[in-house]
Amino acid sequence: MNNSIDTIMILLVLMNLMLLGLSSLGTCIRVVAAQGIALGILPLVMHGGISDIRLTLFSAAIIGLKGIVFPWLLSRAMRDVSAQREVEPFIGYGKSVIIGPLALVVCMWLGSRLPLPLDIVSPMLVPVAFFTIMSGLFLIISRKKALSQVLGYIVLENGIFTFGMTLAEKQPLLVELGILLDVFVAVFVMGIVIFHINRELDHIDTDRLSSLRS
């Protein structure tokens, strides 16, 4: 079981690093979708597999929302606003690729220092959760386009979800589905906002919104 969990954690790290170095929004959306599918598989690997119907439904909901619905909404928003690439981010892609591994090292150090109230199934869970959270925050603050920032928000939530998996033997289904619903509503609203920003201002670069005057 630990080998399967560690494999998923390694995939999450690689996908985070890819997101930091990619300019194509379409590719970023597909990477985030793959990340959501991996996180949907994680509860099954950690807590007994498909024999648990409740857990299976929970994983199916995660895969459906994070791996299918969110990417579909974002892909549709990308087509509507005709935004294919993040051309000029606040922090360049070369610097982002360098910052990523450095942040991973810091997260591994923090994970080793953090006292936890119980034993966890894999020592990689906490560092990878921290790294995913930091990757999401970095995407939010370093990218100009609103669509890229929405992707950062989803990655941030993926990190919070991963960290939550380290602290619970069994995830409360109702609470987790409530969180997923909140994220779904947030992504849906962000998609609408992106569409209206582009329709009114002919762009979705958030740095240019500072020039608005009432």
N, C-alpha and C. Protein backbone atom coordinates (compact mmCIF):
# COMPACT_ATOMS: atom_id res chain seq x y z
N MET A 1 0.83 -1.21 0.00
CA MET A 1 0.00 0.00 0.00
C MET A 1 0.86 1.26 0.00
N ASN A 2 1.94 1.24 0.81
CA ASN A 2 2.82 2.41 0.87
C ASN A 2 3.43 2.74 -0.48
N ASN A 3 3.78 1.70 -1.24
CA ASN A 3 4.36 1.93 -2.57
C ASN A 3 3.38 2.66 -3.48
N SER A 4 2.11 2.28 -3.42
CA SER A 4 1.10 2.93 -4.25
C SER A 4 0.91 4.38 -3.83
N ILE A 5 0.88 4.63 -2.53
CA ILE A 5 0.73 6.00 -2.03
C ILE A 5 1.93 6.84 -2.45
N ASP A 6 3.14 6.30 -2.28
CA ASP A 6 4.35 7.04 -2.65
C ASP A 6 4.37 7.34 -4.15
N THR A 7 3.87 6.40 -4.95
CA THR A 7 3.80 6.63 -6.40
C THR A 7 2.89 7.81 -6.72
N ILE A 8 1.73 7.87 -6.06
CA ILE A 8 0.80 8.98 -6.27
C ILE A 8 1.44 10.28 -5.82
N MET A 9 2.17 10.25 -4.69
CA MET A 9 2.83 11.46 -4.20
C MET A 9 3.89 11.96 -5.19
N ILE A 10 4.65 11.04 -5.75
CA ILE A 10 5.67 11.42 -6.74
C ILE A 10 5.00 12.04 -7.97
N LEU A 11 3.89 11.46 -8.40
CA LEU A 11 3.17 12.01 -9.54
C LEU A 11 2.66 13.42 -9.24
N LEU A 12 2.18 13.65 -8.01
CA LEU A 12 1.71 14.98 -7.64
C LEU A 12 2.86 16.00 -7.70
N VAL A 13 4.03 15.59 -7.20
CA VAL A 13 5.19 16.49 -7.25
C VAL A 13 5.54 16.83 -8.68
N LEU A 14 5.60 15.82 -9.54
CA LEU A 14 5.95 16.06 -10.95
C LEU A 14 4.92 16.96 -11.63
N MET A 15 3.64 16.76 -11.33
CA MET A 15 2.61 17.59 -11.94
C MET A 15 2.69 19.03 -11.44
N ASN A 16 3.02 19.21 -10.15
CA ASN A 16 3.20 20.57 -9.63
C ASN A 16 4.35 21.28 -10.35
N LEU A 17 5.45 20.56 -10.53
CA LEU A 17 6.60 21.15 -11.23
C LEU A 17 6.25 21.47 -12.68
N MET A 18 5.46 20.61 -13.32
CA MET A 18 5.03 20.89 -14.69
C MET A 18 4.20 22.18 -14.75
N LEU A 19 3.29 22.34 -13.79
CA LEU A 19 2.44 23.52 -13.79
C LEU A 19 3.25 24.81 -13.64
N LEU A 20 4.34 24.73 -12.88
CA LEU A 20 5.18 25.91 -12.69
C LEU A 20 5.92 26.30 -13.96
N GLY A 21 6.15 25.34 -14.85
CA GLY A 21 6.95 25.61 -16.04
C GLY A 21 6.18 25.68 -17.33
N LEU A 22 4.85 25.51 -17.29
CA LEU A 22 4.06 25.48 -18.51
C LEU A 22 3.40 26.83 -18.78
N SER A 23 3.39 27.23 -20.05
CA SER A 23 2.69 28.45 -20.44
C SER A 23 1.35 28.15 -21.10
N SER A 24 1.18 26.96 -21.65
CA SER A 24 -0.06 26.59 -22.34
C SER A 24 -1.16 26.34 -21.32
N LEU A 25 -2.23 27.13 -21.39
CA LEU A 25 -3.33 26.98 -20.44
C LEU A 25 -4.05 25.65 -20.64
N GLY A 26 -4.18 25.22 -21.90
CA GLY A 26 -4.84 23.94 -22.16
C GLY A 26 -4.09 22.78 -21.53
N THR A 27 -2.76 22.79 -21.65
CA THR A 27 -1.96 21.73 -21.03
C THR A 27 -2.05 21.80 -19.51
N CYS A 28 -2.04 23.01 -18.97
CA CYS A 28 -2.17 23.17 -17.51
C CYS A 28 -3.50 22.61 -17.01
N ILE A 29 -4.56 22.84 -17.76
CA ILE A 29 -5.87 22.32 -17.36
C ILE A 29 -5.84 20.79 -17.35
N ARG A 30 -5.19 20.19 -18.36
CA ARG A 30 -5.12 18.73 -18.40
C ARG A 30 -4.27 18.18 -17.26
N VAL A 31 -3.21 18.89 -16.90
CA VAL A 31 -2.38 18.44 -15.77
C VAL A 31 -3.18 18.52 -14.46
N VAL A 32 -3.94 19.60 -14.28
CA VAL A 32 -4.77 19.73 -13.08
C VAL A 32 -5.84 18.63 -13.05
N ALA A 33 -6.37 18.27 -14.23
CA ALA A 33 -7.34 17.17 -14.29
C ALA A 33 -6.70 15.86 -13.87
N ALA A 34 -5.48 15.60 -14.34
CA ALA A 34 -4.77 14.39 -13.95
C ALA A 34 -4.49 14.38 -12.45
N GLN A 35 -4.17 15.55 -11.92
CA GLN A 35 -3.93 15.66 -10.48
C GLN A 35 -5.20 15.32 -9.69
N GLY A 36 -6.33 15.79 -10.18
CA GLY A 36 -7.60 15.48 -9.53
C GLY A 36 -7.93 14.01 -9.55
N ILE A 37 -7.63 13.35 -10.67
CA ILE A 37 -7.88 11.90 -10.76
C ILE A 37 -6.97 11.15 -9.78
N ALA A 38 -5.71 11.57 -9.70
CA ALA A 38 -4.78 10.93 -8.76
C ALA A 38 -5.27 11.09 -7.32
N LEU A 39 -5.77 12.27 -6.98
CA LEU A 39 -6.28 12.48 -5.63
C LEU A 39 -7.55 11.69 -5.39
N GLY A 40 -8.34 11.46 -6.44
CA GLY A 40 -9.53 10.62 -6.29
C GLY A 40 -9.18 9.18 -5.99
N ILE A 41 -8.06 8.71 -6.54
CA ILE A 41 -7.62 7.33 -6.29
C ILE A 41 -7.01 7.19 -4.91
N LEU A 42 -6.44 8.27 -4.36
CA LEU A 42 -5.71 8.22 -3.09
C LEU A 42 -6.53 7.66 -1.93
N PRO A 43 -7.78 8.09 -1.70
CA PRO A 43 -8.55 7.50 -0.58
C PRO A 43 -8.74 6.00 -0.71
N LEU A 44 -8.93 5.51 -1.94
CA LEU A 44 -9.10 4.07 -2.14
C LEU A 44 -7.83 3.33 -1.78
N VAL A 45 -6.69 3.89 -2.14
CA VAL A 45 -5.42 3.25 -1.83
C VAL A 45 -5.15 3.25 -0.33
N MET A 46 -5.55 4.32 0.34
CA MET A 46 -5.25 4.46 1.76
C MET A 46 -6.20 3.69 2.66
N HIS A 47 -7.45 3.54 2.23
CA HIS A 47 -8.47 3.04 3.15
C HIS A 47 -9.28 1.87 2.59
N GLY A 48 -8.61 0.88 2.07
CA GLY A 48 -9.31 -0.39 1.86
C GLY A 48 -9.82 -0.69 0.48
N GLY A 49 -9.67 0.19 -0.49
CA GLY A 49 -10.05 -0.16 -1.85
C GLY A 49 -11.53 -0.08 -2.12
N ILE A 50 -11.93 -0.66 -3.24
CA ILE A 50 -13.29 -0.50 -3.75
C ILE A 50 -14.31 -1.34 -2.98
N SER A 51 -13.89 -2.16 -2.01
CA SER A 51 -14.83 -2.96 -1.24
C SER A 51 -15.69 -2.08 -0.34
N ASP A 52 -15.22 -0.88 0.00
CA ASP A 52 -15.97 0.07 0.81
C ASP A 52 -16.81 0.95 -0.13
N ILE A 53 -18.14 0.72 -0.14
CA ILE A 53 -19.02 1.44 -1.06
C ILE A 53 -18.99 2.94 -0.78
N ARG A 54 -19.03 3.32 0.49
CA ARG A 54 -19.03 4.73 0.86
C ARG A 54 -17.77 5.42 0.36
N LEU A 55 -16.64 4.75 0.54
CA LEU A 55 -15.37 5.31 0.10
C LEU A 55 -15.30 5.37 -1.42
N THR A 56 -15.86 4.36 -2.09
CA THR A 56 -15.87 4.34 -3.55
C THR A 56 -16.68 5.51 -4.11
N LEU A 57 -17.84 5.77 -3.50
CA LEU A 57 -18.67 6.90 -3.95
C LEU A 57 -17.95 8.22 -3.73
N PHE A 58 -17.26 8.32 -2.60
CA PHE A 58 -16.50 9.54 -2.31
C PHE A 58 -15.41 9.76 -3.35
N SER A 59 -14.66 8.71 -3.66
CA SER A 59 -13.59 8.81 -4.66
C SER A 59 -14.16 9.13 -6.03
N ALA A 60 -15.30 8.52 -6.36
CA ALA A 60 -15.93 8.80 -7.65
C ALA A 60 -16.35 10.27 -7.74
N ALA A 61 -16.83 10.84 -6.63
CA ALA A 61 -17.21 12.25 -6.62
C ALA A 61 -15.99 13.15 -6.84
N ILE A 62 -14.87 12.79 -6.20
CA ILE A 62 -13.64 13.58 -6.36
C ILE A 62 -13.17 13.53 -7.81
N ILE A 63 -13.11 12.32 -8.37
CA ILE A 63 -12.67 12.16 -9.75
C ILE A 63 -13.60 12.90 -10.71
N GLY A 64 -14.92 12.78 -10.44
CA GLY A 64 -15.89 13.44 -11.31
C GLY A 64 -15.74 14.95 -11.31
N LEU A 65 -15.57 15.54 -10.11
CA LEU A 65 -15.47 16.99 -10.02
C LEU A 65 -14.09 17.50 -10.43
N LYS A 66 -13.05 16.97 -9.77
CA LYS A 66 -11.70 17.47 -10.00
C LYS A 66 -11.12 17.02 -11.34
N GLY A 67 -11.49 15.82 -11.78
CA GLY A 67 -10.90 15.28 -12.99
C GLY A 67 -11.70 15.53 -14.26
N ILE A 68 -13.01 15.84 -14.11
CA ILE A 68 -13.86 15.99 -15.29
C ILE A 68 -14.57 17.34 -15.32
N VAL A 69 -15.36 17.64 -14.27
CA VAL A 69 -16.21 18.83 -14.30
C VAL A 69 -15.39 20.11 -14.28
N PHE A 70 -14.46 20.25 -13.31
CA PHE A 70 -13.65 21.46 -13.24
C PHE A 70 -12.85 21.70 -14.53
N PRO A 71 -12.14 20.69 -15.04
CA PRO A 71 -11.41 20.90 -16.29
C PRO A 71 -12.32 21.28 -17.46
N TRP A 72 -13.50 20.68 -17.52
CA TRP A 72 -14.43 21.02 -18.59
C TRP A 72 -14.87 22.48 -18.50
N LEU A 73 -15.20 22.94 -17.28
CA LEU A 73 -15.59 24.33 -17.11
C LEU A 73 -14.46 25.29 -17.48
N LEU A 74 -13.24 24.94 -17.06
CA LEU A 74 -12.11 25.81 -17.36
C LEU A 74 -11.76 25.80 -18.85
N SER A 75 -11.87 24.63 -19.49
CA SER A 75 -11.62 24.56 -20.92
C SER A 75 -12.64 25.38 -21.69
N ARG A 76 -13.88 25.33 -21.25
CA ARG A 76 -14.91 26.14 -21.91
C ARG A 76 -14.65 27.63 -21.72
N ALA A 77 -14.24 28.01 -20.48
CA ALA A 77 -13.91 29.42 -20.25
C ALA A 77 -12.72 29.85 -21.10
N MET A 78 -11.74 28.97 -21.26
CA MET A 78 -10.57 29.29 -22.08
C MET A 78 -10.97 29.53 -23.53
N ARG A 79 -11.88 28.70 -24.05
CA ARG A 79 -12.35 28.89 -25.43
C ARG A 79 -13.14 30.18 -25.56
N ASP A 80 -13.98 30.48 -24.56
CA ASP A 80 -14.82 31.67 -24.63
C ASP A 80 -14.01 32.95 -24.65
N VAL A 81 -12.91 32.97 -23.88
CA VAL A 81 -12.11 34.20 -23.79
C VAL A 81 -10.93 34.18 -24.75
N SER A 82 -10.80 33.09 -25.51
CA SER A 82 -9.71 32.97 -26.50
C SER A 82 -8.34 33.19 -25.88
N ALA A 83 -8.14 32.60 -24.70
CA ALA A 83 -6.84 32.70 -24.02
C ALA A 83 -6.16 31.34 -24.11
N GLN A 84 -5.06 31.27 -24.83
CA GLN A 84 -4.36 30.01 -25.03
C GLN A 84 -3.11 29.87 -24.16
N ARG A 85 -2.48 31.01 -23.85
CA ARG A 85 -1.21 30.95 -23.13
C ARG A 85 -1.10 32.07 -22.10
N GLU A 86 -0.33 31.79 -21.06
CA GLU A 86 0.10 32.81 -20.12
C GLU A 86 1.41 33.36 -20.66
N VAL A 87 1.35 34.50 -21.33
CA VAL A 87 2.50 34.98 -22.10
C VAL A 87 3.54 35.65 -21.22
N GLU A 88 3.13 36.56 -20.37
CA GLU A 88 4.08 37.34 -19.57
C GLU A 88 3.70 37.27 -18.09
N PRO A 89 4.03 36.18 -17.41
CA PRO A 89 3.71 36.09 -15.98
C PRO A 89 4.56 37.07 -15.17
N PHE A 90 4.12 37.33 -13.94
CA PHE A 90 4.90 38.22 -13.07
C PHE A 90 6.28 37.63 -12.79
N ILE A 91 6.36 36.31 -12.65
CA ILE A 91 7.63 35.62 -12.44
C ILE A 91 7.82 34.66 -13.62
N GLY A 92 8.94 34.80 -14.33
CA GLY A 92 9.17 34.01 -15.54
C GLY A 92 9.21 32.52 -15.29
N TYR A 93 9.06 31.76 -16.36
CA TYR A 93 9.01 30.31 -16.23
C TYR A 93 10.34 29.70 -15.82
N GLY A 94 11.44 30.31 -16.28
CA GLY A 94 12.75 29.82 -15.85
C GLY A 94 12.94 29.94 -14.35
N LYS A 95 12.58 31.10 -13.80
CA LYS A 95 12.68 31.30 -12.37
C LYS A 95 11.70 30.40 -11.62
N SER A 96 10.52 30.21 -12.21
CA SER A 96 9.52 29.35 -11.57
C SER A 96 10.03 27.92 -11.44
N VAL A 97 10.69 27.42 -12.50
CA VAL A 97 11.21 26.05 -12.48
C VAL A 97 12.32 25.92 -11.43
N ILE A 98 13.08 26.98 -11.22
CA ILE A 98 14.12 26.96 -10.19
C ILE A 98 13.52 27.03 -8.79
N ILE A 99 12.51 27.88 -8.62
CA ILE A 99 11.87 28.04 -7.32
C ILE A 99 11.17 26.75 -6.89
N GLY A 100 10.59 26.00 -7.85
CA GLY A 100 9.84 24.79 -7.52
C GLY A 100 10.64 23.78 -6.70
N PRO A 101 11.79 23.30 -7.18
CA PRO A 101 12.57 22.33 -6.39
C PRO A 101 13.04 22.91 -5.05
N LEU A 102 13.36 24.20 -5.02
CA LEU A 102 13.76 24.80 -3.75
C LEU A 102 12.61 24.77 -2.75
N ALA A 103 11.41 25.07 -3.24
CA ALA A 103 10.23 25.01 -2.37
C ALA A 103 9.98 23.58 -1.91
N LEU A 104 10.23 22.61 -2.78
CA LEU A 104 10.05 21.21 -2.40
C LEU A 104 10.99 20.82 -1.26
N VAL A 105 12.23 21.28 -1.33
CA VAL A 105 13.19 21.00 -0.26
C VAL A 105 12.72 21.61 1.06
N VAL A 106 12.23 22.85 1.00
CA VAL A 106 11.72 23.50 2.21
C VAL A 106 10.52 22.73 2.77
N CYS A 107 9.65 22.27 1.90
CA CYS A 107 8.47 21.53 2.34
C CYS A 107 8.85 20.19 2.97
N MET A 108 9.86 19.54 2.42
CA MET A 108 10.33 18.29 3.00
C MET A 108 10.89 18.53 4.40
N TRP A 109 11.61 19.64 4.56
CA TRP A 109 12.14 19.97 5.88
C TRP A 109 11.01 20.27 6.87
N LEU A 110 10.02 21.07 6.41
CA LEU A 110 8.89 21.38 7.28
C LEU A 110 8.11 20.13 7.66
N GLY A 111 7.93 19.23 6.68
CA GLY A 111 7.21 17.99 6.95
C GLY A 111 7.90 17.13 7.99
N SER A 112 9.22 17.13 7.95
CA SER A 112 9.96 16.33 8.93
C SER A 112 9.92 16.94 10.33
N ARG A 113 9.68 18.24 10.41
CA ARG A 113 9.67 18.94 11.70
C ARG A 113 8.28 19.03 12.32
N LEU A 114 7.24 18.79 11.52
CA LEU A 114 5.87 18.99 12.01
C LEU A 114 5.43 17.80 12.87
N PRO A 115 5.07 18.04 14.13
CA PRO A 115 4.56 16.94 14.97
C PRO A 115 3.11 16.63 14.61
N LEU A 116 2.81 15.37 14.42
CA LEU A 116 1.47 14.94 14.07
C LEU A 116 0.88 14.11 15.21
N PRO A 117 -0.44 14.19 15.41
CA PRO A 117 -1.05 13.48 16.54
C PRO A 117 -1.15 11.97 16.35
N LEU A 118 -0.86 11.47 15.15
CA LEU A 118 -0.95 10.04 14.90
C LEU A 118 0.04 9.66 13.81
N ASP A 119 0.28 8.36 13.70
CA ASP A 119 1.17 7.87 12.66
C ASP A 119 0.49 7.98 11.30
N ILE A 120 1.25 8.32 10.29
CA ILE A 120 0.70 8.42 8.95
C ILE A 120 1.25 7.29 8.09
N VAL A 121 0.51 6.96 7.05
CA VAL A 121 0.84 5.78 6.26
C VAL A 121 2.07 5.99 5.38
N SER A 122 2.39 7.25 5.07
CA SER A 122 3.55 7.52 4.23
C SER A 122 4.20 8.82 4.67
N PRO A 123 5.52 8.84 4.84
CA PRO A 123 6.19 10.08 5.23
C PRO A 123 6.17 11.15 4.15
N MET A 124 5.77 10.79 2.94
CA MET A 124 5.74 11.75 1.84
C MET A 124 4.46 12.58 1.82
N LEU A 125 3.42 12.15 2.54
CA LEU A 125 2.13 12.82 2.45
C LEU A 125 2.19 14.28 2.87
N VAL A 126 2.77 14.56 4.02
CA VAL A 126 2.80 15.93 4.53
C VAL A 126 3.68 16.84 3.66
N PRO A 127 4.93 16.45 3.33
CA PRO A 127 5.73 17.33 2.46
C PRO A 127 5.08 17.60 1.11
N VAL A 128 4.48 16.57 0.50
CA VAL A 128 3.84 16.77 -0.80
C VAL A 128 2.60 17.65 -0.67
N ALA A 129 1.86 17.49 0.43
CA ALA A 129 0.70 18.36 0.66
C ALA A 129 1.15 19.81 0.78
N PHE A 130 2.22 20.06 1.55
CA PHE A 130 2.74 21.42 1.68
C PHE A 130 3.21 21.96 0.33
N PHE A 131 3.89 21.13 -0.44
CA PHE A 131 4.40 21.57 -1.73
C PHE A 131 3.26 21.89 -2.69
N THR A 132 2.20 21.11 -2.65
CA THR A 132 1.05 21.37 -3.51
C THR A 132 0.38 22.68 -3.12
N ILE A 133 0.25 22.92 -1.81
CA ILE A 133 -0.32 24.19 -1.34
C ILE A 133 0.54 25.36 -1.79
N MET A 134 1.86 25.24 -1.62
CA MET A 134 2.76 26.32 -2.02
C MET A 134 2.74 26.53 -3.53
N SER A 135 2.62 25.44 -4.30
CA SER A 135 2.55 25.56 -5.76
C SER A 135 1.29 26.32 -6.17
N GLY A 136 0.16 26.00 -5.52
CA GLY A 136 -1.07 26.71 -5.82
C GLY A 136 -0.98 28.19 -5.50
N LEU A 137 -0.43 28.50 -4.32
CA LEU A 137 -0.26 29.91 -3.94
C LEU A 137 0.67 30.63 -4.92
N PHE A 138 1.73 29.94 -5.33
CA PHE A 138 2.68 30.55 -6.27
C PHE A 138 2.01 30.85 -7.60
N LEU A 139 1.18 29.94 -8.09
CA LEU A 139 0.47 30.18 -9.34
C LEU A 139 -0.48 31.36 -9.22
N ILE A 140 -1.10 31.50 -8.06
CA ILE A 140 -2.05 32.61 -7.86
C ILE A 140 -1.34 33.95 -7.91
N ILE A 141 -0.17 34.05 -7.26
CA ILE A 141 0.49 35.35 -7.15
C ILE A 141 1.44 35.65 -8.30
N SER A 142 1.83 34.63 -9.07
CA SER A 142 2.85 34.86 -10.10
C SER A 142 2.29 34.93 -11.51
N ARG A 143 1.01 34.62 -11.69
CA ARG A 143 0.42 34.62 -13.03
C ARG A 143 -0.52 35.81 -13.18
N LYS A 144 -0.63 36.31 -14.40
CA LYS A 144 -1.44 37.48 -14.68
C LYS A 144 -2.88 37.14 -15.04
N LYS A 145 -3.06 36.09 -15.82
CA LYS A 145 -4.39 35.78 -16.32
C LYS A 145 -5.25 35.17 -15.22
N ALA A 146 -6.51 35.59 -15.18
CA ALA A 146 -7.43 35.10 -14.16
C ALA A 146 -7.60 33.58 -14.24
N LEU A 147 -7.56 33.05 -15.46
CA LEU A 147 -7.72 31.60 -15.63
C LEU A 147 -6.58 30.84 -14.97
N SER A 148 -5.36 31.34 -15.09
CA SER A 148 -4.22 30.71 -14.43
C SER A 148 -4.37 30.77 -12.92
N GLN A 149 -4.93 31.86 -12.42
CA GLN A 149 -5.12 32.00 -10.99
C GLN A 149 -6.20 31.05 -10.47
N VAL A 150 -7.21 30.79 -11.28
CA VAL A 150 -8.22 29.79 -10.91
C VAL A 150 -7.57 28.41 -10.81
N LEU A 151 -6.69 28.09 -11.76
CA LEU A 151 -5.96 26.83 -11.69
C LEU A 151 -5.14 26.75 -10.40
N GLY A 152 -4.51 27.86 -10.03
CA GLY A 152 -3.75 27.90 -8.79
C GLY A 152 -4.64 27.65 -7.58
N TYR A 153 -5.85 28.19 -7.61
CA TYR A 153 -6.80 27.96 -6.52
C TYR A 153 -7.15 26.48 -6.40
N ILE A 154 -7.36 25.82 -7.53
CA ILE A 154 -7.68 24.39 -7.49
C ILE A 154 -6.50 23.59 -6.96
N VAL A 155 -5.28 23.93 -7.40
CA VAL A 155 -4.09 23.23 -6.91
C VAL A 155 -3.94 23.45 -5.41
N LEU A 156 -4.20 24.66 -4.95
CA LEU A 156 -4.15 24.94 -3.52
C LEU A 156 -5.12 24.05 -2.76
N GLU A 157 -6.33 23.93 -3.26
CA GLU A 157 -7.32 23.07 -2.59
C GLU A 157 -6.90 21.61 -2.65
N ASN A 158 -6.24 21.21 -3.73
CA ASN A 158 -5.74 19.84 -3.81
C ASN A 158 -4.72 19.57 -2.71
N GLY A 159 -3.88 20.56 -2.42
CA GLY A 159 -2.91 20.40 -1.34
C GLY A 159 -3.58 20.30 0.01
N ILE A 160 -4.60 21.11 0.25
CA ILE A 160 -5.34 21.04 1.51
C ILE A 160 -6.00 19.67 1.65
N PHE A 161 -6.55 19.16 0.56
CA PHE A 161 -7.16 17.84 0.59
C PHE A 161 -6.14 16.77 0.92
N THR A 162 -4.97 16.85 0.30
CA THR A 162 -3.91 15.87 0.57
C THR A 162 -3.49 15.91 2.02
N PHE A 163 -3.35 17.11 2.59
CA PHE A 163 -2.99 17.23 4.00
C PHE A 163 -4.09 16.65 4.88
N GLY A 164 -5.34 16.86 4.50
CA GLY A 164 -6.44 16.29 5.27
C GLY A 164 -6.40 14.77 5.31
N MET A 165 -5.92 14.17 4.24
CA MET A 165 -5.83 12.71 4.20
C MET A 165 -4.82 12.18 5.22
N THR A 166 -3.88 13.01 5.66
CA THR A 166 -2.88 12.55 6.63
C THR A 166 -3.42 12.52 8.05
N LEU A 167 -4.53 13.21 8.30
CA LEU A 167 -4.99 13.40 9.67
C LEU A 167 -6.25 12.63 10.01
N ALA A 168 -6.79 11.89 9.04
CA ALA A 168 -8.06 11.20 9.30
C ALA A 168 -7.97 9.75 8.86
N GLU A 169 -8.40 8.88 9.75
CA GLU A 169 -8.49 7.47 9.38
C GLU A 169 -9.56 7.26 8.33
N LYS A 170 -10.70 7.91 8.53
CA LYS A 170 -11.80 7.87 7.57
C LYS A 170 -12.30 9.29 7.36
N GLN A 171 -12.36 9.71 6.13
CA GLN A 171 -12.85 11.05 5.83
C GLN A 171 -14.36 11.09 6.06
N PRO A 172 -14.87 12.06 6.83
CA PRO A 172 -16.32 12.22 6.95
C PRO A 172 -16.91 12.58 5.59
N LEU A 173 -17.71 11.71 5.04
CA LEU A 173 -18.18 11.88 3.66
C LEU A 173 -18.95 13.18 3.49
N LEU A 174 -19.83 13.49 4.44
CA LEU A 174 -20.67 14.67 4.29
C LEU A 174 -19.83 15.95 4.29
N VAL A 175 -18.85 16.01 5.20
CA VAL A 175 -17.99 17.19 5.28
C VAL A 175 -17.18 17.36 3.99
N GLU A 176 -16.60 16.25 3.52
CA GLU A 176 -15.76 16.33 2.32
C GLU A 176 -16.58 16.70 1.09
N LEU A 177 -17.77 16.15 0.98
CA LEU A 177 -18.61 16.52 -0.15
C LEU A 177 -19.02 17.99 -0.05
N GLY A 178 -19.20 18.48 1.18
CA GLY A 178 -19.49 19.90 1.36
C GLY A 178 -18.34 20.77 0.88
N ILE A 179 -17.10 20.35 1.17
CA ILE A 179 -15.93 21.08 0.71
C ILE A 179 -15.87 21.06 -0.81
N LEU A 180 -16.09 19.88 -1.40
CA LEU A 180 -16.08 19.78 -2.86
C LEU A 180 -17.14 20.68 -3.48
N LEU A 181 -18.30 20.75 -2.84
CA LEU A 181 -19.36 21.61 -3.36
C LEU A 181 -18.94 23.07 -3.30
N ASP A 182 -18.28 23.48 -2.19
CA ASP A 182 -17.78 24.85 -2.09
C ASP A 182 -16.79 25.16 -3.21
N VAL A 183 -15.88 24.22 -3.46
CA VAL A 183 -14.89 24.43 -4.52
C VAL A 183 -15.58 24.49 -5.88
N PHE A 184 -16.57 23.62 -6.08
CA PHE A 184 -17.30 23.62 -7.34
C PHE A 184 -17.96 24.98 -7.58
N VAL A 185 -18.63 25.50 -6.55
CA VAL A 185 -19.29 26.80 -6.68
C VAL A 185 -18.26 27.89 -6.96
N ALA A 186 -17.12 27.83 -6.25
CA ALA A 186 -16.08 28.84 -6.44
C ALA A 186 -15.56 28.83 -7.88
N VAL A 187 -15.26 27.62 -8.40
CA VAL A 187 -14.76 27.52 -9.77
C VAL A 187 -15.82 27.98 -10.77
N PHE A 188 -17.08 27.63 -10.52
CA PHE A 188 -18.17 28.04 -11.41
C PHE A 188 -18.29 29.56 -11.44
N VAL A 189 -18.26 30.18 -10.25
CA VAL A 189 -18.36 31.64 -10.18
C VAL A 189 -17.15 32.29 -10.84
N MET A 190 -15.95 31.74 -10.61
CA MET A 190 -14.76 32.30 -11.23
C MET A 190 -14.84 32.23 -12.75
N GLY A 191 -15.39 31.11 -13.26
CA GLY A 191 -15.56 31.00 -14.71
C GLY A 191 -16.47 32.07 -15.26
N ILE A 192 -17.56 32.35 -14.55
CA ILE A 192 -18.48 33.40 -14.97
C ILE A 192 -17.80 34.76 -14.93
N VAL A 193 -17.04 35.00 -13.85
CA VAL A 193 -16.34 36.28 -13.71
C VAL A 193 -15.34 36.47 -14.83
N ILE A 194 -14.57 35.42 -15.15
CA ILE A 194 -13.59 35.50 -16.24
C ILE A 194 -14.28 35.86 -17.55
N PHE A 195 -15.40 35.21 -17.81
CA PHE A 195 -16.13 35.48 -19.06
C PHE A 195 -16.57 36.93 -19.13
N HIS A 196 -17.12 37.46 -18.03
CA HIS A 196 -17.63 38.83 -18.05
C HIS A 196 -16.49 39.85 -18.10
N ILE A 197 -15.37 39.55 -17.41
CA ILE A 197 -14.22 40.45 -17.50
C ILE A 197 -13.74 40.55 -18.94
N ASN A 198 -13.64 39.39 -19.61
CA ASN A 198 -13.17 39.39 -20.99
C ASN A 198 -14.15 40.10 -21.92
N ARG A 199 -15.46 39.92 -21.67
CA ARG A 199 -16.46 40.54 -22.55
C ARG A 199 -16.45 42.06 -22.41
N GLU A 200 -16.25 42.54 -21.18
CA GLU A 200 -16.31 43.98 -20.95
C GLU A 200 -14.98 44.67 -21.27
N LEU A 201 -13.86 43.98 -21.02
CA LEU A 201 -12.56 44.65 -21.11
C LEU A 201 -11.66 44.09 -22.19
N ASP A 202 -12.09 43.01 -22.89
CA ASP A 202 -11.33 42.40 -23.98
C ASP A 202 -10.01 41.77 -23.51
N HIS A 203 -9.87 41.48 -22.23
CA HIS A 203 -8.69 40.78 -21.73
C HIS A 203 -9.01 40.20 -20.35
N ILE A 204 -8.15 39.27 -19.88
CA ILE A 204 -8.32 38.72 -18.53
C ILE A 204 -7.01 38.83 -17.75
N ASP A 205 -6.20 39.84 -18.07
CA ASP A 205 -4.97 40.08 -17.34
C ASP A 205 -5.29 40.87 -16.08
N THR A 206 -5.08 40.27 -14.91
CA THR A 206 -5.49 40.91 -13.67
C THR A 206 -4.67 42.14 -13.35
N ASP A 207 -3.42 42.21 -13.83
CA ASP A 207 -2.60 43.38 -13.52
C ASP A 207 -3.13 44.63 -14.19
N ARG A 208 -3.83 44.47 -15.30
CA ARG A 208 -4.39 45.63 -16.01
C ARG A 208 -5.68 46.14 -15.37
N LEU A 209 -6.28 45.35 -14.46
CA LEU A 209 -7.50 45.80 -13.79
C LEU A 209 -7.22 46.94 -12.82
N SER A 210 -5.95 47.10 -12.41
CA SER A 210 -5.62 48.18 -11.47
C SER A 210 -5.78 49.56 -12.09
N SER A 211 -5.90 49.62 -13.41
CA SER A 211 -6.03 50.90 -14.08
C SER A 211 -7.47 51.36 -14.19
N LEU A 212 -8.41 50.57 -13.66
CA LEU A 212 -9.83 50.95 -13.73
C LEU A 212 -10.11 52.15 -12.83
N ARG A 213 -11.01 52.97 -13.23
CA ARG A 213 -11.42 54.13 -12.43
C ARG A 213 -12.94 54.17 -12.39
N SER A 214 -13.47 54.58 -11.24
CA SER A 214 -14.91 54.67 -11.12
C SER A 214 -15.42 55.95 -11.79
